[in-house]
């Protein structure tokens, strides 16, 4: 354990940020999975609805600094391509 006060604070702040980032990443994975299951079932209507929600969640994660903007763009692109493939 750190002895310096600022180092102790950094540990606490890092734990808080790590928990927040984990929660956001988990949420993104959940929404991505919803899109992928709809694509697997070839349900175009449900896939499009899930895609809209997933794009929103991914962009929010990017704006909060959890994901790099190119990572967000790549995830969205792949999901969109998958959804358009079944239509």
N, C-alpha and C. Protein backbone atom coordinates (compact mmCIF):
# COMPACT_ATOMS: atom_id res chain seq x y z
N UNK A 1 0.85 -1.19 0.00
CA UNK A 1 0.00 0.00 0.00
C UNK A 1 0.88 1.24 0.00
N UNK A 2 0.41 2.27 -0.68
CA UNK A 2 1.16 3.52 -0.78
C UNK A 2 1.15 4.27 0.55
N UNK A 3 2.20 5.03 0.79
CA UNK A 3 2.30 5.82 2.01
C UNK A 3 1.95 7.28 1.77
N UNK A 4 2.21 7.77 0.57
CA UNK A 4 1.98 9.18 0.26
C UNK A 4 0.49 9.41 0.00
N UNK A 5 0.00 10.53 0.53
CA UNK A 5 -1.43 10.83 0.46
C UNK A 5 -1.93 10.90 -0.99
N UNK A 6 -1.18 11.54 -1.86
CA UNK A 6 -1.61 11.67 -3.25
C UNK A 6 -1.65 10.31 -3.95
N UNK A 7 -0.72 9.43 -3.59
CA UNK A 7 -0.69 8.08 -4.17
C UNK A 7 -1.91 7.28 -3.70
N UNK A 8 -2.29 7.45 -2.43
CA UNK A 8 -3.47 6.77 -1.90
C UNK A 8 -4.72 7.24 -2.64
N UNK A 9 -4.78 8.55 -2.89
CA UNK A 9 -5.93 9.11 -3.60
C UNK A 9 -5.99 8.57 -5.02
N UNK A 10 -4.84 8.49 -5.69
CA UNK A 10 -4.80 7.98 -7.06
C UNK A 10 -5.33 6.54 -7.12
N UNK A 11 -4.99 5.74 -6.12
CA UNK A 11 -5.46 4.36 -6.06
C UNK A 11 -6.99 4.33 -5.99
N UNK A 12 -7.55 5.17 -5.12
CA UNK A 12 -9.01 5.21 -4.97
C UNK A 12 -9.68 5.69 -6.25
N UNK A 13 -9.13 6.73 -6.86
CA UNK A 13 -9.70 7.28 -8.09
C UNK A 13 -9.63 6.26 -9.22
N UNK A 14 -8.52 5.56 -9.30
CA UNK A 14 -8.35 4.53 -10.33
C UNK A 14 -9.37 3.41 -10.17
N UNK A 15 -9.60 2.99 -8.93
CA UNK A 15 -10.60 1.95 -8.67
C UNK A 15 -11.98 2.40 -9.12
N UNK A 16 -12.32 3.65 -8.83
CA UNK A 16 -13.62 4.19 -9.21
C UNK A 16 -13.77 4.23 -10.72
N UNK A 17 -12.74 4.73 -11.40
CA UNK A 17 -12.79 4.82 -12.87
C UNK A 17 -12.83 3.45 -13.52
N UNK A 18 -12.09 2.49 -12.94
CA UNK A 18 -12.06 1.14 -13.48
C UNK A 18 -13.44 0.50 -13.39
N UNK A 19 -14.11 0.69 -12.27
CA UNK A 19 -15.45 0.14 -12.09
C UNK A 19 -16.43 0.75 -13.09
N UNK A 20 -16.32 2.06 -13.30
CA UNK A 20 -17.20 2.77 -14.25
C UNK A 20 -16.96 2.27 -15.67
N UNK A 21 -15.69 2.15 -16.04
CA UNK A 21 -15.34 1.68 -17.39
C UNK A 21 -15.83 0.25 -17.62
N UNK A 22 -15.69 -0.60 -16.60
CA UNK A 22 -16.15 -1.99 -16.71
C UNK A 22 -17.65 -2.04 -16.95
N UNK A 23 -18.38 -1.22 -16.21
CA UNK A 23 -19.84 -1.20 -16.34
C UNK A 23 -20.25 -0.76 -17.74
N UNK A 24 -19.58 0.27 -18.26
CA UNK A 24 -19.92 0.79 -19.58
C UNK A 24 -19.57 -0.23 -20.66
N UNK A 25 -18.38 -0.87 -20.54
CA UNK A 25 -17.98 -1.89 -21.52
C UNK A 25 -18.94 -3.07 -21.51
N UNK A 26 -19.38 -3.45 -20.33
CA UNK A 26 -20.32 -4.56 -20.19
C UNK A 26 -21.64 -4.22 -20.88
N UNK A 27 -22.09 -2.98 -20.71
CA UNK A 27 -23.34 -2.54 -21.33
C UNK A 27 -23.22 -2.58 -22.85
N UNK A 28 -22.08 -2.12 -23.37
CA UNK A 28 -21.84 -2.14 -24.82
C UNK A 28 -21.90 -3.58 -25.33
N UNK A 29 -21.23 -4.50 -24.62
CA UNK A 29 -21.20 -5.90 -25.04
C UNK A 29 -22.62 -6.48 -25.07
N UNK A 30 -23.44 -6.11 -24.09
CA UNK A 30 -24.81 -6.60 -24.02
C UNK A 30 -25.61 -6.16 -25.24
N UNK A 31 -25.49 -4.88 -25.60
CA UNK A 31 -26.24 -4.35 -26.74
C UNK A 31 -25.73 -4.92 -28.05
N UNK A 32 -24.42 -5.14 -28.15
CA UNK A 32 -23.84 -5.77 -29.35
C UNK A 32 -24.38 -7.19 -29.50
N UNK A 33 -24.46 -7.89 -28.38
CA UNK A 33 -24.96 -9.27 -28.39
C UNK A 33 -26.42 -9.32 -28.84
N UNK A 34 -27.21 -8.32 -28.44
CA UNK A 34 -28.61 -8.27 -28.85
C UNK A 34 -28.72 -8.16 -30.37
N UNK A 35 -27.87 -7.32 -30.96
CA UNK A 35 -27.87 -7.16 -32.41
C UNK A 35 -27.46 -8.47 -33.07
N UNK A 36 -26.40 -9.09 -32.56
CA UNK A 36 -25.88 -10.33 -33.16
C UNK A 36 -26.89 -11.47 -33.09
N UNK A 37 -27.64 -11.56 -31.99
CA UNK A 37 -28.65 -12.63 -31.89
C UNK A 37 -29.79 -12.39 -32.87
N UNK A 38 -30.18 -11.11 -33.04
CA UNK A 38 -31.24 -10.79 -33.99
C UNK A 38 -30.78 -11.10 -35.42
N UNK A 39 -29.51 -10.84 -35.71
CA UNK A 39 -28.95 -11.16 -37.04
C UNK A 39 -28.92 -12.68 -37.24
N UNK A 40 -28.53 -13.40 -36.20
CA UNK A 40 -28.47 -14.86 -36.28
C UNK A 40 -29.85 -15.47 -36.54
N UNK A 41 -30.88 -14.85 -35.98
CA UNK A 41 -32.26 -15.33 -36.19
C UNK A 41 -32.84 -14.82 -37.50
N UNK A 42 -32.09 -13.96 -38.19
CA UNK A 42 -32.51 -13.33 -39.45
C UNK A 42 -33.79 -12.51 -39.28
N UNK A 43 -33.90 -11.87 -38.12
CA UNK A 43 -35.04 -11.01 -37.81
C UNK A 43 -34.63 -9.56 -38.11
N UNK A 44 -34.92 -9.10 -39.31
CA UNK A 44 -34.45 -7.79 -39.78
C UNK A 44 -35.01 -6.64 -38.93
N UNK A 45 -36.28 -6.75 -38.58
CA UNK A 45 -36.92 -5.66 -37.82
C UNK A 45 -36.28 -5.50 -36.44
N UNK A 46 -36.12 -6.61 -35.74
CA UNK A 46 -35.52 -6.58 -34.40
C UNK A 46 -34.05 -6.16 -34.48
N UNK A 47 -33.36 -6.59 -35.53
CA UNK A 47 -31.95 -6.25 -35.69
C UNK A 47 -31.76 -4.75 -35.88
N UNK A 48 -32.64 -4.14 -36.68
CA UNK A 48 -32.54 -2.69 -36.91
C UNK A 48 -32.82 -1.91 -35.63
N UNK A 49 -33.81 -2.37 -34.87
CA UNK A 49 -34.13 -1.70 -33.60
C UNK A 49 -32.97 -1.83 -32.62
N UNK A 50 -32.41 -3.03 -32.54
CA UNK A 50 -31.29 -3.27 -31.63
C UNK A 50 -30.06 -2.49 -32.08
N UNK A 51 -29.87 -2.37 -33.40
CA UNK A 51 -28.73 -1.63 -33.94
C UNK A 51 -28.78 -0.17 -33.53
N UNK A 52 -29.96 0.42 -33.61
CA UNK A 52 -30.12 1.83 -33.23
C UNK A 52 -29.71 2.05 -31.77
N UNK A 53 -30.18 1.16 -30.90
CA UNK A 53 -29.83 1.26 -29.48
C UNK A 53 -28.34 1.04 -29.27
N UNK A 54 -27.78 0.06 -29.97
CA UNK A 54 -26.36 -0.26 -29.82
C UNK A 54 -25.48 0.90 -30.27
N UNK A 55 -25.84 1.54 -31.37
CA UNK A 55 -25.06 2.68 -31.86
C UNK A 55 -25.04 3.79 -30.82
N UNK A 56 -26.19 4.04 -30.22
CA UNK A 56 -26.29 5.07 -29.19
C UNK A 56 -25.38 4.77 -28.01
N UNK A 57 -25.42 3.53 -27.53
CA UNK A 57 -24.61 3.13 -26.38
C UNK A 57 -23.12 3.18 -26.70
N UNK A 58 -22.75 2.74 -27.91
CA UNK A 58 -21.34 2.74 -28.32
C UNK A 58 -20.81 4.17 -28.42
N UNK A 59 -21.62 5.05 -29.01
CA UNK A 59 -21.18 6.46 -29.13
C UNK A 59 -21.04 7.13 -27.77
N UNK A 60 -21.92 6.80 -26.84
CA UNK A 60 -21.81 7.37 -25.49
C UNK A 60 -20.53 6.88 -24.81
N UNK A 61 -20.21 5.61 -25.00
CA UNK A 61 -18.98 5.05 -24.43
C UNK A 61 -17.77 5.76 -25.02
N UNK A 62 -17.83 6.06 -26.31
CA UNK A 62 -16.73 6.77 -26.97
C UNK A 62 -16.58 8.19 -26.47
N UNK A 63 -17.70 8.86 -26.25
CA UNK A 63 -17.64 10.25 -25.79
C UNK A 63 -17.15 10.35 -24.35
N UNK A 64 -17.34 9.28 -23.57
CA UNK A 64 -16.87 9.26 -22.18
C UNK A 64 -15.43 8.80 -22.05
N UNK A 65 -14.83 8.44 -23.19
CA UNK A 65 -13.42 8.06 -23.17
C UNK A 65 -13.15 6.61 -22.83
N UNK A 66 -14.19 5.79 -22.84
CA UNK A 66 -14.01 4.37 -22.54
C UNK A 66 -13.42 3.67 -23.75
N UNK A 67 -13.90 4.05 -24.94
CA UNK A 67 -13.38 3.51 -26.19
C UNK A 67 -12.80 4.64 -27.03
N UNK A 68 -11.81 4.32 -27.86
CA UNK A 68 -11.27 5.27 -28.83
C UNK A 68 -12.31 5.47 -29.93
N UNK A 69 -12.32 6.64 -30.54
CA UNK A 69 -13.35 6.93 -31.55
C UNK A 69 -13.29 5.96 -32.73
N UNK A 70 -12.08 5.52 -33.09
CA UNK A 70 -11.96 4.57 -34.20
C UNK A 70 -12.50 3.20 -33.82
N UNK A 71 -12.35 2.83 -32.57
CA UNK A 71 -12.89 1.57 -32.07
C UNK A 71 -14.41 1.61 -32.17
N UNK A 72 -14.99 2.73 -31.77
CA UNK A 72 -16.44 2.90 -31.85
C UNK A 72 -16.90 2.80 -33.30
N UNK A 73 -16.20 3.49 -34.18
CA UNK A 73 -16.56 3.48 -35.60
C UNK A 73 -16.48 2.06 -36.16
N UNK A 74 -15.46 1.32 -35.78
CA UNK A 74 -15.28 -0.05 -36.26
C UNK A 74 -16.42 -0.96 -35.78
N UNK A 75 -16.76 -0.84 -34.49
CA UNK A 75 -17.84 -1.66 -33.93
C UNK A 75 -19.16 -1.36 -34.65
N UNK A 76 -19.45 -0.08 -34.82
CA UNK A 76 -20.70 0.34 -35.46
C UNK A 76 -20.73 -0.14 -36.91
N UNK A 77 -19.61 0.00 -37.60
CA UNK A 77 -19.52 -0.41 -39.00
C UNK A 77 -19.79 -1.90 -39.15
N UNK A 78 -19.19 -2.71 -38.30
CA UNK A 78 -19.35 -4.16 -38.39
C UNK A 78 -20.79 -4.58 -38.10
N UNK A 79 -21.41 -3.93 -37.09
CA UNK A 79 -22.78 -4.26 -36.76
C UNK A 79 -23.72 -3.86 -37.90
N UNK A 80 -23.51 -2.67 -38.45
CA UNK A 80 -24.35 -2.17 -39.53
C UNK A 80 -24.24 -3.08 -40.76
N UNK A 81 -23.02 -3.50 -41.04
CA UNK A 81 -22.78 -4.39 -42.18
C UNK A 81 -23.52 -5.72 -41.98
N UNK A 82 -23.50 -6.23 -40.77
CA UNK A 82 -24.18 -7.49 -40.45
C UNK A 82 -25.70 -7.35 -40.62
N UNK A 83 -26.24 -6.24 -40.13
CA UNK A 83 -27.69 -6.00 -40.21
C UNK A 83 -28.11 -5.81 -41.67
N UNK A 84 -27.31 -5.07 -42.43
CA UNK A 84 -27.65 -4.85 -43.84
C UNK A 84 -27.53 -6.13 -44.66
N UNK A 85 -26.73 -7.04 -44.18
CA UNK A 85 -26.54 -8.32 -44.87
C UNK A 85 -27.77 -9.21 -44.85
N UNK A 86 -28.61 -9.06 -43.82
CA UNK A 86 -29.80 -9.92 -43.73
C UNK A 86 -31.02 -9.29 -44.39
N UNK A 87 -30.96 -7.99 -44.65
CA UNK A 87 -32.13 -7.29 -45.20
C UNK A 87 -32.41 -7.64 -46.64
